[in-house]
Amino acid sequence: MRTQQSVLFDAPGPRARRAIDVGNVIGAVVVLGIAALVLLELGRKGQLAWDLWAPVFTANAWQNYFLPGLHNTLRAAGFAIVGAVALGLVLGSGRLSHVRVVRWACGVVVEFFRAVPVLLLMVFFWLLLGRVFDVGSDAPFLAVVLSLVLYNGAVIAELVRSGVTSLPAGQREAGLSIGLTTTQTLRSIELPQSIIAMLPALVSQLVVVLKDTALGQIITYNELLRAAQIFASGNVNALQTLSVAAVIFILINWTLTMVAQRLATLLSSRTSGRIAPAPGLGTPTAP
């Protein structure tokens, strides 16, 4: 069964494909050359010596620094993800409300927290919770979570709103025609479909949440980056320690990215699967 596929540009011809291949080879050679020069320079300055790398592979480094830092990173990210999704659904639904005051208020909240830098929010809540409310040692953790919830909740709210508005108009009309109110139609028909459609983008946003937890080191939250910095300061091997922390971040973010791509594939096949032919009517053609 063949399907038609629309493209924005013409498919490249043989000469264009050869030019693209040559450009890719040249780019790869340049990147490898730069990497080789960097390694040679690091070796010349003694940064590749095993004495500097050995401490990051000891039990002390992982038990007392990397793993506790990773635990704090995942802990903050986990709370922030749950809170951001819940807040995003509430604000996104509010932006779609037929009540003007609710729609306007949710719009102001979303636009405000989307515009404020996450680091500024963290510093503000850290000072507020630590000096005004005096919550003690929990102030950095709470500041990181609150900041990520508010910022990413505003982003998810826009994902919800765009997901609902991208649905065919017939979805709402069908709900209204069977006696549902506008709110019931939004809650029972439109929101479930938009959530399924935005799952890949939502999972990709989780990568942003995880990476932004590293900003917590500015306000003394002992996440992975700060733990690596503390370890490096005692062993005078910042490059090596931060390289290991970077690899850990890359592996986690790569895993989340693969999950997002897998979800996108599953949802695409769910909406474009083959239709079973009706008895006696033959094989249907794709629209």
C-alpha atoms as a PDB file:
ATOM      1  CA  MET A   1       0.000   0.000   0.000  1.00  0.00           C
ATOM      2  CA  ARG A   2       1.577   3.250  -1.112  1.00  0.00           C
ATOM      3  CA  THR A   3       0.987   6.539   0.611  1.00  0.00           C
ATOM      4  CA  GLN A   4       1.573   9.981  -0.736  1.00  0.00           C
ATOM      5  CA  GLN A   5       4.025  12.162   1.120  1.00  0.00           C
ATOM      6  CA  SER A   6       4.227  15.919   0.841  1.00  0.00           C
ATOM      7  CA  VAL A   7       7.573  17.684   1.101  1.00  0.00           C
ATOM      8  CA  LEU A   8       8.535  21.333   1.380  1.00  0.00           C
ATOM      9  CA  PHE A   9      11.448  21.012  -1.028  1.00  0.00           C
ATOM     10  CA  ASP A  10      12.287  18.865  -4.038  1.00  0.00           C
ATOM     11  CA  ALA A  11      14.262  15.713  -3.339  1.00  0.00           C
ATOM     12  CA  PRO A  12      17.992  16.239  -4.055  1.00  0.00           C
ATOM     13  CA  GLY A  13      19.312  14.890  -7.334  1.00  0.00           C
ATOM     14  CA  PRO A  14      22.473  12.832  -7.879  1.00  0.00           C
ATOM     15  CA  ARG A  15      24.787  15.865  -7.958  1.00  0.00           C
ATOM     16  CA  ALA A  16      23.191  17.363  -4.852  1.00  0.00           C
ATOM     17  CA  ARG A  17      23.481  14.058  -2.995  1.00  0.00           C
ATOM     18  CA  ARG A  18      27.164  13.792  -3.932  1.00  0.00           C
ATOM     19  CA  ALA A  19      27.730  17.358  -2.714  1.00  0.00           C
ATOM     20  CA  ILE A  20      25.975  16.526   0.571  1.00  0.00           C
ATOM     21  CA  ASP A  21      28.099  13.394   1.021  1.00  0.00           C
ATOM     22  CA  VAL A  22      31.299  15.334   0.339  1.00  0.00           C
ATOM     23  CA  GLY A  23      30.234  18.024   2.826  1.00  0.00           C
ATOM     24  CA  ASN A  24      29.513  15.389   5.469  1.00  0.00           C
ATOM     25  CA  VAL A  25      32.929  13.785   4.968  1.00  0.00           C
ATOM     26  CA  ILE A  26      34.690  17.150   5.166  1.00  0.00           C
ATOM     27  CA  GLY A  27      32.748  18.073   8.296  1.00  0.00           C
ATOM     28  CA  ALA A  28      33.612  14.748   9.948  1.00  0.00           C
ATOM     29  CA  VAL A  29      37.317  15.187   9.095  1.00  0.00           C
ATOM     30  CA  VAL A  30      37.296  18.716  10.551  1.00  0.00           C
ATOM     31  CA  VAL A  31      35.619  17.554  13.765  1.00  0.00           C
ATOM     32  CA  LEU A  32      38.049  14.644  14.158  1.00  0.00           C
ATOM     33  CA  GLY A  33      40.969  16.989  13.490  1.00  0.00           C
ATOM     34  CA  ILE A  34      39.802  19.427  16.158  1.00  0.00           C
ATOM     35  CA  ALA A  35      39.308  16.549  18.614  1.00  0.00           C
ATOM     36  CA  ALA A  36      42.819  15.278  17.876  1.00  0.00           C
ATOM     37  CA  LEU A  37      44.305  18.740  18.442  1.00  0.00           C
ATOM     38  CA  VAL A  38      42.433  19.079  21.745  1.00  0.00           C
ATOM     39  CA  LEU A  39      43.693  15.683  22.922  1.00  0.00           C
ATOM     40  CA  LEU A  40      47.264  16.527  21.905  1.00  0.00           C
ATOM     41  CA  GLU A  41      47.089  19.822  23.796  1.00  0.00           C
ATOM     42  CA  LEU A  42      45.643  18.097  26.872  1.00  0.00           C
ATOM     43  CA  GLY A  43      48.380  15.484  26.705  1.00  0.00           C
ATOM     44  CA  ARG A  44      51.061  18.154  26.370  1.00  0.00           C
ATOM     45  CA  LYS A  45      49.771  19.848  29.529  1.00  0.00           C
ATOM     46  CA  GLY A  46      49.559  16.577  31.432  1.00  0.00           C
ATOM     47  CA  GLN A  47      45.764  16.486  31.703  1.00  0.00           C
ATOM     48  CA  LEU A  48      45.600  12.907  30.379  1.00  0.00           C
ATOM     49  CA  ALA A  49      47.832  11.535  33.112  1.00  0.00           C
ATOM     50  CA  TRP A  50      46.341   8.583  34.976  1.00  0.00           C
ATOM     51  CA  ASP A  51      47.114  10.210  38.328  1.00  0.00           C
ATOM     52  CA  LEU A  52      44.421  12.815  37.553  1.00  0.00           C
ATOM     53  CA  TRP A  53      41.850  10.306  36.237  1.00  0.00           C
ATOM     54  CA  ALA A  54      42.331   7.592  38.861  1.00  0.00           C
ATOM     55  CA  PRO A  55      40.491   9.400  41.725  1.00  0.00           C
ATOM     56  CA  VAL A  56      37.206   9.620  39.752  1.00  0.00           C
ATOM     57  CA  PHE A  57      37.052   5.819  39.471  1.00  0.00           C
ATOM     58  CA  THR A  58      37.451   5.110  43.178  1.00  0.00           C
ATOM     59  CA  ALA A  59      34.714   3.924  45.523  1.00  0.00           C
ATOM     60  CA  ASN A  60      35.017   7.146  47.515  1.00  0.00           C
ATOM     61  CA  ALA A  61      34.205   9.269  44.450  1.00  0.00           C
ATOM     62  CA  TRP A  62      31.059   7.331  43.592  1.00  0.00           C
ATOM     63  CA  GLN A  63      29.745   6.513  47.054  1.00  0.00           C
ATOM     64  CA  ASN A  64      30.243   9.964  48.549  1.00  0.00           C
ATOM     65  CA  TYR A  65      29.950  12.307  45.566  1.00  0.00           C
ATOM     66  CA  PHE A  66      28.667  11.079  42.202  1.00  0.00           C
ATOM     67  CA  LEU A  67      25.872   8.764  43.371  1.00  0.00           C
ATOM     68  CA  PRO A  68      24.549  11.084  46.136  1.00  0.00           C
ATOM     69  CA  GLY A  69      24.682  13.981  43.672  1.00  0.00           C
ATOM     70  CA  LEU A  70      22.860  11.935  41.046  1.00  0.00           C
ATOM     71  CA  HIS A  71      20.255  10.934  43.642  1.00  0.00           C
ATOM     72  CA  ASN A  72      19.619  14.577  44.497  1.00  0.00           C
ATOM     73  CA  THR A  73      19.422  15.487  40.819  1.00  0.00           C
ATOM     74  CA  LEU A  74      16.853  12.758  40.096  1.00  0.00           C
ATOM     75  CA  ARG A  75      14.961  13.569  43.305  1.00  0.00           C
ATOM     76  CA  ALA A  76      14.556  17.234  42.398  1.00  0.00           C
ATOM     77  CA  ALA A  77      13.743  16.376  38.789  1.00  0.00           C
ATOM     78  CA  GLY A  78      11.130  13.805  39.853  1.00  0.00           C
ATOM     79  CA  PHE A  79       9.249  16.206  42.131  1.00  0.00           C
ATOM     80  CA  ALA A  80       9.536  18.978  39.545  1.00  0.00           C
ATOM     81  CA  ILE A  81       8.200  16.790  36.729  1.00  0.00           C
ATOM     82  CA  VAL A  82       5.129  15.695  38.681  1.00  0.00           C
ATOM     83  CA  GLY A  83       4.402  19.250  39.811  1.00  0.00           C
ATOM     84  CA  ALA A  84       5.029  20.766  36.376  1.00  0.00           C
ATOM     85  CA  VAL A  85       2.716  18.305  34.613  1.00  0.00           C
ATOM     86  CA  ALA A  86      -0.066  18.917  37.145  1.00  0.00           C
ATOM     87  CA  LEU A  87       0.355  22.698  36.973  1.00  0.00           C
ATOM     88  CA  GLY A  88       0.594  22.606  33.187  1.00  0.00           C
ATOM     89  CA  LEU A  89      -2.695  20.730  32.875  1.00  0.00           C
ATOM     90  CA  VAL A  90      -4.423  23.196  35.189  1.00  0.00           C
ATOM     91  CA  LEU A  91      -3.040  26.305  33.476  1.00  0.00           C
ATOM     92  CA  GLY A  92      -3.528  24.847  30.000  1.00  0.00           C
ATOM     93  CA  SER A  93      -7.163  24.057  30.751  1.00  0.00           C
ATOM     94  CA  GLY A  94      -7.576  27.523  32.231  1.00  0.00           C
ATOM     95  CA  ARG A  95      -6.245  29.135  29.058  1.00  0.00           C
ATOM     96  CA  LEU A  96      -8.916  27.245  27.120  1.00  0.00           C
ATOM     97  CA  SER A  97     -11.722  28.164  29.519  1.00  0.00           C
ATOM     98  CA  HIS A  98     -14.781  29.955  28.153  1.00  0.00           C
ATOM     99  CA  VAL A  99     -14.707  32.207  31.243  1.00  0.00           C
ATOM    100  CA  ARG A 100     -12.753  35.306  30.261  1.00  0.00           C
ATOM    101  CA  VAL A 101     -11.398  36.076  33.738  1.00  0.00           C
ATOM    102  CA  VAL A 102     -10.010  32.552  34.169  1.00  0.00           C
ATOM    103  CA  ARG A 103      -8.539  32.586  30.671  1.00  0.00           C
ATOM    104  CA  TRP A 104      -6.932  35.980  31.231  1.00  0.00           C
ATOM    105  CA  ALA A 105      -5.524  35.101  34.681  1.00  0.00           C
ATOM    106  CA  CYS A 106      -4.003  31.825  33.459  1.00  0.00           C
ATOM    107  CA  GLY A 107      -2.538  33.626  30.458  1.00  0.00           C
ATOM    108  CA  VAL A 108      -0.815  36.178  32.687  1.00  0.00           C
ATOM    109  CA  VAL A 109       0.652  33.445  34.914  1.00  0.00           C
ATOM    110  CA  VAL A 110       1.905  31.429  31.943  1.00  0.00           C
ATOM    111  CA  GLU A 111       3.496  34.360  30.148  1.00  0.00           C
ATOM    112  CA  PHE A 112       5.108  35.660  33.344  1.00  0.00           C
ATOM    113  CA  PHE A 113       6.815  32.420  34.347  1.00  0.00           C
ATOM    114  CA  ARG A 114       7.850  31.658  30.784  1.00  0.00           C
ATOM    115  CA  ALA A 115       9.619  35.025  30.642  1.00  0.00           C
ATOM    116  CA  VAL A 116      11.467  34.858  33.983  1.00  0.00           C
ATOM    117  CA  PRO A 117      14.840  33.013  33.914  1.00  0.00           C
ATOM    118  CA  VAL A 118      14.861  29.800  35.933  1.00  0.00           C
ATOM    119  CA  LEU A 119      18.044  30.818  37.769  1.00  0.00           C
ATOM    120  CA  LEU A 120      16.426  34.062  38.906  1.00  0.00           C
ATOM    121  CA  LEU A 121      13.464  32.095  40.267  1.00  0.00           C
ATOM    122  CA  MET A 122      15.796  29.756  42.134  1.00  0.00           C
ATOM    123  CA  VAL A 123      17.706  32.590  43.778  1.00  0.00           C
ATOM    124  CA  PHE A 124      14.450  34.348  44.714  1.00  0.00           C
ATOM    125  CA  PHE A 125      12.859  31.274  46.330  1.00  0.00           C
ATOM    126  CA  TRP A 126      16.150  30.348  48.015  1.00  0.00           C
ATOM    127  CA  LEU A 127      16.330  33.743  49.710  1.00  0.00           C
ATOM    128  CA  LEU A 128      12.603  33.780  50.441  1.00  0.00           C
ATOM    129  CA  LEU A 129      12.495  30.315  51.990  1.00  0.00           C
ATOM    130  CA  GLY A 130      15.835  30.581  53.762  1.00  0.00           C
ATOM    131  CA  ARG A 131      15.599  34.089  55.216  1.00  0.00           C
ATOM    132  CA  VAL A 132      11.884  34.856  55.455  1.00  0.00           C
ATOM    133  CA  PHE A 133      10.327  31.466  56.206  1.00  0.00           C
ATOM    134  CA  ASP A 134      13.517  29.944  57.676  1.00  0.00           C
ATOM    135  CA  VAL A 135      12.980  26.391  56.402  1.00  0.00           C
ATOM    136  CA  GLY A 136      16.611  25.532  57.127  1.00  0.00           C
ATOM    137  CA  SER A 137      18.636  23.113  55.026  1.00  0.00           C
ATOM    138  CA  ASP A 138      15.642  22.273  52.802  1.00  0.00           C
ATOM    139  CA  ALA A 139      15.631  25.753  51.258  1.00  0.00           C
ATOM    140  CA  PRO A 140      17.882  24.906  48.254  1.00  0.00           C
ATOM    141  CA  PHE A 141      15.887  21.764  47.377  1.00  0.00           C
ATOM    142  CA  LEU A 142      12.527  23.515  47.683  1.00  0.00           C
ATOM    143  CA  ALA A 143      13.786  26.489  45.676  1.00  0.00           C
ATOM    144  CA  VAL A 144      14.968  24.238  42.837  1.00  0.00           C
ATOM    145  CA  VAL A 145      11.701  22.272  42.734  1.00  0.00           C
ATOM    146  CA  LEU A 146       9.422  25.328  42.935  1.00  0.00           C
ATOM    147  CA  SER A 147      11.337  27.137  40.206  1.00  0.00           C
ATOM    148  CA  LEU A 148      11.300  24.161  37.843  1.00  0.00           C
ATOM    149  CA  VAL A 149       7.611  23.504  38.530  1.00  0.00           C
ATOM    150  CA  LEU A 150       6.581  27.076  37.744  1.00  0.00           C
ATOM    151  CA  TYR A 151       8.710  27.493  34.634  1.00  0.00           C
ATOM    152  CA  ASN A 152       8.096  24.080  33.087  1.00  0.00           C
ATOM    153  CA  GLY A 153       4.449  24.116  34.160  1.00  0.00           C
ATOM    154  CA  ALA A 154       4.026  27.266  32.067  1.00  0.00           C
ATOM    155  CA  VAL A 155       5.715  25.575  29.101  1.00  0.00           C
ATOM    156  CA  ILE A 156       3.557  22.452  29.441  1.00  0.00           C
ATOM    157  CA  ALA A 157       0.461  24.654  29.647  1.00  0.00           C
ATOM    158  CA  GLU A 158       1.316  25.979  26.191  1.00  0.00           C
ATOM    159  CA  LEU A 159       1.786  22.417  24.965  1.00  0.00           C
ATOM    160  CA  VAL A 160      -1.677  21.549  26.266  1.00  0.00           C
ATOM    161  CA  ARG A 161      -3.238  24.624  24.700  1.00  0.00           C
ATOM    162  CA  SER A 162      -1.587  24.056  21.331  1.00  0.00           C
ATOM    163  CA  GLY A 163      -2.506  20.369  21.440  1.00  0.00           C
ATOM    164  CA  VAL A 164      -6.185  21.119  22.009  1.00  0.00           C
ATOM    165  CA  THR A 165      -6.378  23.925  19.445  1.00  0.00           C
ATOM    166  CA  SER A 166      -4.746  21.688  16.827  1.00  0.00           C
ATOM    167  CA  LEU A 167      -7.561  19.124  17.105  1.00  0.00           C
ATOM    168  CA  PRO A 168     -10.233  19.132  14.396  1.00  0.00           C
ATOM    169  CA  ALA A 169     -13.166  21.396  15.224  1.00  0.00           C
ATOM    170  CA  GLY A 170     -15.505  18.432  14.873  1.00  0.00           C
ATOM    171  CA  GLN A 171     -14.243  16.986  18.153  1.00  0.00           C
ATOM    172  CA  ARG A 172     -15.786  19.788  20.183  1.00  0.00           C
ATOM    173  CA  GLU A 173     -18.877  19.926  18.014  1.00  0.00           C
ATOM    174  CA  ALA A 174     -19.442  16.203  18.496  1.00  0.00           C
ATOM    175  CA  GLY A 175     -19.243  16.597  22.275  1.00  0.00           C
ATOM    176  CA  LEU A 176     -21.648  19.537  22.277  1.00  0.00           C
ATOM    177  CA  SER A 177     -24.054  17.682  19.996  1.00  0.00           C
ATOM    178  CA  ILE A 178     -24.487  14.838  22.508  1.00  0.00           C
ATOM    179  CA  GLY A 179     -25.333  17.235  25.323  1.00  0.00           C
ATOM    180  CA  LEU A 180     -21.938  17.819  26.956  1.00  0.00           C
ATOM    181  CA  THR A 181     -21.037  21.278  28.143  1.00  0.00           C
ATOM    182  CA  THR A 182     -17.940  23.074  26.854  1.00  0.00           C
ATOM    183  CA  THR A 183     -16.045  22.189  30.046  1.00  0.00           C
ATOM    184  CA  GLN A 184     -17.095  18.540  29.891  1.00  0.00           C
ATOM    185  CA  THR A 185     -16.106  18.344  26.225  1.00  0.00           C
ATOM    186  CA  LEU A 186     -12.690  19.796  27.025  1.00  0.00           C
ATOM    187  CA  ARG A 187     -12.131  17.436  29.959  1.00  0.00           C
ATOM    188  CA  SER A 188     -13.524  14.226  28.455  1.00  0.00           C
ATOM    189  CA  ILE A 189     -12.776  14.503  24.726  1.00  0.00           C
ATOM    190  CA  GLU A 190     -10.199  17.148  23.841  1.00  0.00           C
ATOM    191  CA  LEU A 191      -7.713  16.933  26.717  1.00  0.00           C
ATOM    192  CA  PRO A 192      -7.169  13.141  26.500  1.00  0.00           C
ATOM    193  CA  GLN A 193      -6.458  13.397  22.768  1.00  0.00           C
ATOM    194  CA  SER A 194      -4.147  16.390  23.148  1.00  0.00           C
ATOM    195  CA  ILE A 195      -2.190  14.674  25.948  1.00  0.00           C
ATOM    196  CA  ILE A 196      -1.541  11.669  23.716  1.00  0.00           C
ATOM    197  CA  ALA A 197      -0.486  13.938  20.863  1.00  0.00           C
ATOM    198  CA  MET A 198       1.907  15.975  23.010  1.00  0.00           C
ATOM    199  CA  LEU A 199       3.558  13.030  24.814  1.00  0.00           C
ATOM    200  CA  PRO A 200       6.747  13.118  22.703  1.00  0.00           C
ATOM    201  CA  ALA A 201       7.141  16.867  23.255  1.00  0.00           C
ATOM    202  CA  LEU A 202       6.348  16.390  26.940  1.00  0.00           C
ATOM    203  CA  VAL A 203       9.042  13.748  27.371  1.00  0.00           C
ATOM    204  CA  SER A 204      11.507  16.017  25.564  1.00  0.00           C
ATOM    205  CA  GLN A 205      10.659  18.750  28.067  1.00  0.00           C
ATOM    206  CA  LEU A 206      11.679  16.363  30.835  1.00  0.00           C
ATOM    207  CA  VAL A 207      15.216  16.550  29.473  1.00  0.00           C
ATOM    208  CA  VAL A 208      15.093  20.310  30.073  1.00  0.00           C
ATOM    209  CA  VAL A 209      13.907  19.750  33.652  1.00  0.00           C
ATOM    210  CA  LEU A 210      16.737  17.332  34.338  1.00  0.00           C
ATOM    211  CA  LYS A 211      19.405  19.627  32.892  1.00  0.00           C
ATOM    212  CA  ASP A 212      18.072  22.689  34.705  1.00  0.00           C
ATOM    213  CA  THR A 213      18.535  20.989  38.075  1.00  0.00           C
ATOM    214  CA  ALA A 214      22.255  21.711  37.568  1.00  0.00           C
ATOM    215  CA  LEU A 215      21.466  25.391  38.135  1.00  0.00           C
ATOM    216  CA  GLY A 216      20.810  24.450  41.746  1.00  0.00           C
ATOM    217  CA  GLN A 217      24.540  24.385  42.411  1.00  0.00           C
ATOM    218  CA  ILE A 218      24.418  28.207  42.363  1.00  0.00           C
ATOM    219  CA  ILE A 219      22.208  28.140  45.468  1.00  0.00           C
ATOM    220  CA  THR A 220      24.243  25.376  47.173  1.00  0.00           C
ATOM    221  CA  TYR A 221      21.902  22.503  46.287  1.00  0.00           C
ATOM    222  CA  ASN A 222      24.091  19.394  46.374  1.00  0.00           C
ATOM    223  CA  GLU A 223      23.112  17.951  42.998  1.00  0.00           C
ATOM    224  CA  LEU A 224      25.441  16.113  40.622  1.00  0.00           C
ATOM    225  CA  LEU A 225      27.299  19.152  39.293  1.00  0.00           C
ATOM    226  CA  ARG A 226      27.952  20.646  42.745  1.00  0.00           C
ATOM    227  CA  ALA A 227      29.029  17.260  44.109  1.00  0.00           C
ATOM    228  CA  ALA A 228      31.489  16.948  41.213  1.00  0.00           C
ATOM    229  CA  GLN A 229      32.833  20.435  41.857  1.00  0.00           C
ATOM    230  CA  ILE A 230      33.380  19.675  45.559  1.00  0.00           C
ATOM    231  CA  PHE A 231      35.187  16.442  44.707  1.00  0.00           C
ATOM    232  CA  ALA A 232      37.321  18.169  42.064  1.00  0.00           C
ATOM    233  CA  SER A 233      38.358  20.931  44.465  1.00  0.00           C
ATOM    234  CA  GLY A 234      39.799  18.357  46.846  1.00  0.00           C
ATOM    235  CA  ASN A 235      41.630  16.363  44.173  1.00  0.00           C
ATOM    236  CA  VAL A 236      42.669  19.218  41.860  1.00  0.00           C
ATOM    237  CA  ASN A 237      41.248  17.441  38.791  1.00  0.00           C
ATOM    238  CA  ALA A 238      38.311  19.596  37.678  1.00  0.00           C
ATOM    239  CA  LEU A 239      38.533  18.597  34.000  1.00  0.00           C
ATOM    240  CA  GLN A 240      38.454  14.887  34.728  1.00  0.00           C
ATOM    241  CA  THR A 241      35.711  15.052  37.367  1.00  0.00           C
ATOM    242  CA  LEU A 242      33.446  17.318  35.342  1.00  0.00           C
ATOM    243  CA  SER A 243      33.979  15.093  32.294  1.00  0.00           C
ATOM    244  CA  VAL A 244      32.580  12.132  34.229  1.00  0.00           C
ATOM    245  CA  ALA A 245      29.626  14.228  35.438  1.00  0.00           C
ATOM    246  CA  ALA A 246      28.993  15.327  31.842  1.00  0.00           C
ATOM    247  CA  VAL A 247      28.952  11.703  30.658  1.00  0.00           C
ATOM    248  CA  ILE A 248      26.379  10.849  33.350  1.00  0.00           C
ATOM    249  CA  PHE A 249      24.153  13.750  32.240  1.00  0.00           C
ATOM    250  CA  ILE A 250      24.538  12.750  28.586  1.00  0.00           C
ATOM    251  CA  LEU A 251      23.551   9.137  29.252  1.00  0.00           C
ATOM    252  CA  ILE A 252      20.442  10.114  31.208  1.00  0.00           C
ATOM    253  CA  ASN A 253      19.358  12.737  28.673  1.00  0.00           C
ATOM    254  CA  TRP A 254      20.058  10.350  25.787  1.00  0.00           C
ATOM    255  CA  THR A 255      17.825   7.754  27.446  1.00  0.00           C
ATOM    256  CA  LEU A 256      15.006  10.277  27.810  1.00  0.00           C
ATOM    257  CA  THR A 257      15.461  11.344  24.173  1.00  0.00           C
ATOM    258  CA  MET A 258      15.205   7.720  23.034  1.00  0.00           C
ATOM    259  CA  VAL A 259      12.010   7.366  25.056  1.00  0.00           C
ATOM    260  CA  ALA A 260      10.591  10.461  23.337  1.00  0.00           C
ATOM    261  CA  GLN A 261      11.467   9.089  19.890  1.00  0.00           C
ATOM    262  CA  ARG A 262       9.970   5.720  20.754  1.00  0.00           C
ATOM    263  CA  LEU A 263       6.755   7.383  21.908  1.00  0.00           C
ATOM    264  CA  ALA A 264       6.616   9.420  18.717  1.00  0.00           C
ATOM    265  CA  THR A 265       6.980   6.238  16.646  1.00  0.00           C
ATOM    266  CA  LEU A 266       4.312   4.385  18.616  1.00  0.00           C
ATOM    267  CA  LEU A 267       1.854   7.268  18.413  1.00  0.00           C
ATOM    268  CA  SER A 268       2.537   7.730  14.699  1.00  0.00           C
ATOM    269  CA  SER A 269       1.847   4.062  13.976  1.00  0.00           C
ATOM    270  CA  ARG A 270      -1.255   4.254  16.147  1.00  0.00           C
ATOM    271  CA  THR A 271      -2.758   6.979  13.985  1.00  0.00           C
ATOM    272  CA  SER A 272      -1.569   5.716  10.622  1.00  0.00           C
ATOM    273  CA  GLY A 273      -2.086   1.983  10.842  1.00  0.00           C
ATOM    274  CA  ARG A 274      -3.716  -0.098   8.149  1.00  0.00           C
ATOM    275  CA  ILE A 275      -7.478  -0.305   8.087  1.00  0.00           C
ATOM    276  CA  ALA A 276      -9.017  -3.767   8.087  1.00  0.00           C
ATOM    277  CA  PRO A 277     -11.058  -4.318   4.914  1.00  0.00           C
ATOM    278  CA  ALA A 278     -14.794  -4.774   5.257  1.00  0.00           C
ATOM    279  CA  PRO A 279     -16.125  -8.169   4.063  1.00  0.00           C
ATOM    280  CA  GLY A 280     -16.594  -8.231   0.316  1.00  0.00           C
ATOM    281  CA  LEU A 281     -15.239  -4.722  -0.252  1.00  0.00           C
ATOM    282  CA  GLY A 282     -11.574  -5.517  -0.940  1.00  0.00           C
ATOM    283  CA  THR A 283      -8.552  -3.723   0.442  1.00  0.00           C
ATOM    284  CA  PRO A 284      -9.094  -0.043   1.269  1.00  0.00           C
ATOM    285  CA  THR A 285      -6.691   2.531  -0.074  1.00  0.00           C
ATOM    286  CA  ALA A 286      -4.875   5.003   2.126  1.00  0.00           C
ATOM    287  CA  PRO A 287      -6.351   8.496   2.190  1.00  0.00           C
END
